[in-house]
Amino acid sequence: MHIRHLDRAALSQENGWSQRLLPWPTLNAPFEGAQSVIRSKSSSPRHAHHEYEIFVAVKGEAWIESHGERLPFTAGDIVHFPPGHEHQVINDTDTDFEMFSIWWDTDMSGAFGTRHESEA
């Protein structure tokens, strides 16, 4: 068993206040991921990309915006973004919002398969 701990002191401004936890040398996975803390009264950058992505709300309440639609996003919720869909998390509350994001594409899937075959 291996554990990667969130280092709150190392959170960066990449996609809000994030720490990339994947890729991880000890884990062969077909995806990448990051833990994010969207500070009170702030938001993640509005962005889109070629990967598929899901956000999993871990703690708190925020809003999720995508293609002109704004929905509540609270602990336990999960949202999916297809490639090219612009999205943003907005935290207008008085407490921090925490989430985990996972993204993948065909290149990551192919690399996973190659690593898997070489490890077998």
Protein backbone atom coordinates (compact mmCIF):
# COMPACT_ATOMS: atom_id res chain seq x y z
CA MET A 1 0.00 0.00 0.00
CA HIS A 2 1.19 3.52 -0.85
CA ILE A 3 -0.31 6.82 0.31
CA ARG A 4 0.21 10.27 -1.17
CA HIS A 5 -0.71 13.03 1.25
CA LEU A 6 -2.05 16.41 0.27
CA ASP A 7 0.56 19.05 1.09
CA ARG A 8 -1.58 22.12 1.77
CA ALA A 9 1.53 24.30 1.98
CA ALA A 10 2.42 23.31 -1.61
CA LEU A 11 -0.93 24.19 -3.21
CA SER A 12 -0.39 26.19 -6.41
CA GLN A 13 -2.57 28.50 -8.46
CA GLU A 14 -2.91 25.85 -11.23
CA ASN A 15 -6.69 25.46 -11.70
CA GLY A 16 -7.48 27.19 -8.41
CA TRP A 17 -5.32 26.12 -5.52
CA SER A 18 -4.25 22.65 -6.66
CA GLN A 19 -1.75 19.92 -6.01
CA ARG A 20 -1.24 17.35 -8.75
CA LEU A 21 -1.34 13.92 -7.18
CA LEU A 22 -1.28 11.91 -10.41
CA PRO A 23 0.79 10.88 -12.31
CA TRP A 24 2.41 8.99 -9.47
CA PRO A 25 5.48 6.84 -10.18
CA THR A 26 4.23 3.92 -8.05
CA LEU A 27 0.79 3.88 -9.71
CA ASN A 28 0.16 2.88 -13.31
CA ALA A 29 -3.09 4.67 -14.16
CA PRO A 30 -4.78 5.69 -17.44
CA PHE A 31 -5.63 9.12 -15.99
CA GLU A 32 -4.16 12.07 -14.09
CA GLY A 33 -5.57 13.97 -11.14
CA ALA A 34 -5.31 16.84 -8.70
CA GLN A 35 -6.72 17.87 -5.35
CA SER A 36 -7.96 21.46 -5.36
CA VAL A 37 -8.95 23.93 -2.67
CA ILE A 38 -10.97 26.83 -4.05
CA ARG A 39 -10.57 29.50 -1.39
CA SER A 40 -13.52 31.43 -0.01
CA LYS A 41 -14.71 34.22 -2.35
CA SER A 42 -12.56 33.00 -5.26
CA SER A 43 -12.84 30.80 -8.33
CA SER A 44 -10.86 28.47 -10.52
CA PRO A 45 -9.79 29.80 -13.92
CA ARG A 46 -12.38 29.36 -16.68
CA HIS A 47 -10.80 26.85 -19.06
CA ALA A 48 -11.37 24.06 -21.58
CA HIS A 49 -9.07 21.31 -22.84
CA HIS A 50 -8.94 18.22 -25.04
CA GLU A 51 -9.20 15.71 -22.18
CA TYR A 52 -12.31 14.23 -20.62
CA GLU A 53 -12.62 15.32 -16.98
CA ILE A 54 -14.62 14.71 -13.83
CA PHE A 55 -14.74 16.79 -10.66
CA VAL A 56 -15.66 15.15 -7.35
CA ALA A 57 -16.77 17.62 -4.65
CA VAL A 58 -15.15 16.64 -1.36
CA LYS A 59 -15.94 19.43 1.13
CA GLY A 60 -18.09 22.53 1.13
CA GLU A 61 -20.37 24.23 -1.39
CA ALA A 62 -19.64 26.04 -4.64
CA TRP A 63 -21.09 26.67 -8.10
CA ILE A 64 -20.03 24.92 -11.27
CA GLU A 65 -20.38 26.83 -14.56
CA SER A 66 -20.18 25.33 -18.03
CA HIS A 67 -21.56 26.57 -21.35
CA GLY A 68 -23.71 29.25 -19.75
CA GLU A 69 -25.23 26.90 -17.17
CA ARG A 70 -24.60 27.44 -13.44
CA LEU A 71 -25.43 24.67 -10.96
CA PRO A 72 -24.80 24.12 -7.23
CA PHE A 73 -21.87 21.80 -6.56
CA THR A 74 -21.66 20.33 -3.05
CA ALA A 75 -19.74 17.62 -1.19
CA GLY A 76 -20.53 14.21 -2.68
CA ASP A 77 -21.44 15.57 -6.14
CA ILE A 78 -19.61 14.54 -9.31
CA VAL A 79 -19.65 16.37 -12.64
CA HIS A 80 -18.33 15.29 -16.07
CA PHE A 81 -16.96 17.56 -18.79
CA PRO A 82 -16.49 16.26 -22.33
CA PRO A 83 -13.48 17.52 -24.28
CA GLY A 84 -13.72 21.19 -25.27
CA HIS A 85 -16.36 22.15 -22.68
CA GLU A 86 -15.36 25.33 -20.87
CA HIS A 87 -15.83 25.10 -17.10
CA GLN A 88 -15.17 26.95 -13.86
CA VAL A 89 -15.76 26.46 -10.12
CA ILE A 90 -16.98 29.53 -8.23
CA ASN A 91 -16.85 29.66 -4.45
CA ASP A 92 -18.82 32.64 -3.18
CA THR A 93 -19.16 31.19 0.35
CA ASP A 94 -17.24 32.12 3.50
CA THR A 95 -15.45 28.74 3.66
CA ASP A 96 -13.01 26.90 1.39
CA PHE A 97 -14.32 24.36 -1.14
CA GLU A 98 -12.38 21.15 -1.80
CA MET A 99 -12.59 18.83 -4.81
CA PHE A 100 -10.64 16.19 -6.69
CA SER A 101 -10.34 16.29 -10.48
CA ILE A 102 -9.49 13.38 -12.77
CA TRP A 103 -8.77 13.74 -16.50
CA TRP A 104 -7.86 11.37 -19.31
CA ASP A 105 -7.44 11.07 -23.07
CA THR A 106 -6.51 8.37 -25.56
CA ASP A 107 -2.77 9.09 -25.24
CA MET A 108 -2.91 8.47 -21.47
CA SER A 109 -4.88 5.28 -22.05
CA GLY A 110 -2.34 4.05 -24.62
CA ALA A 111 0.60 4.82 -22.33
CA PHE A 112 -1.17 2.95 -19.53
CA GLY A 113 -1.52 -0.13 -21.74
CA THR A 114 2.14 0.01 -22.76
CA ARG A 115 3.32 0.32 -19.14
CA HIS A 116 0.97 -2.47 -18.10
CA GLU A 117 2.34 -4.84 -20.76
CA SER A 118 5.95 -4.07 -19.78
CA GLU A 119 5.18 -4.70 -16.08
CA ALA A 120 3.41 -8.01 -16.73
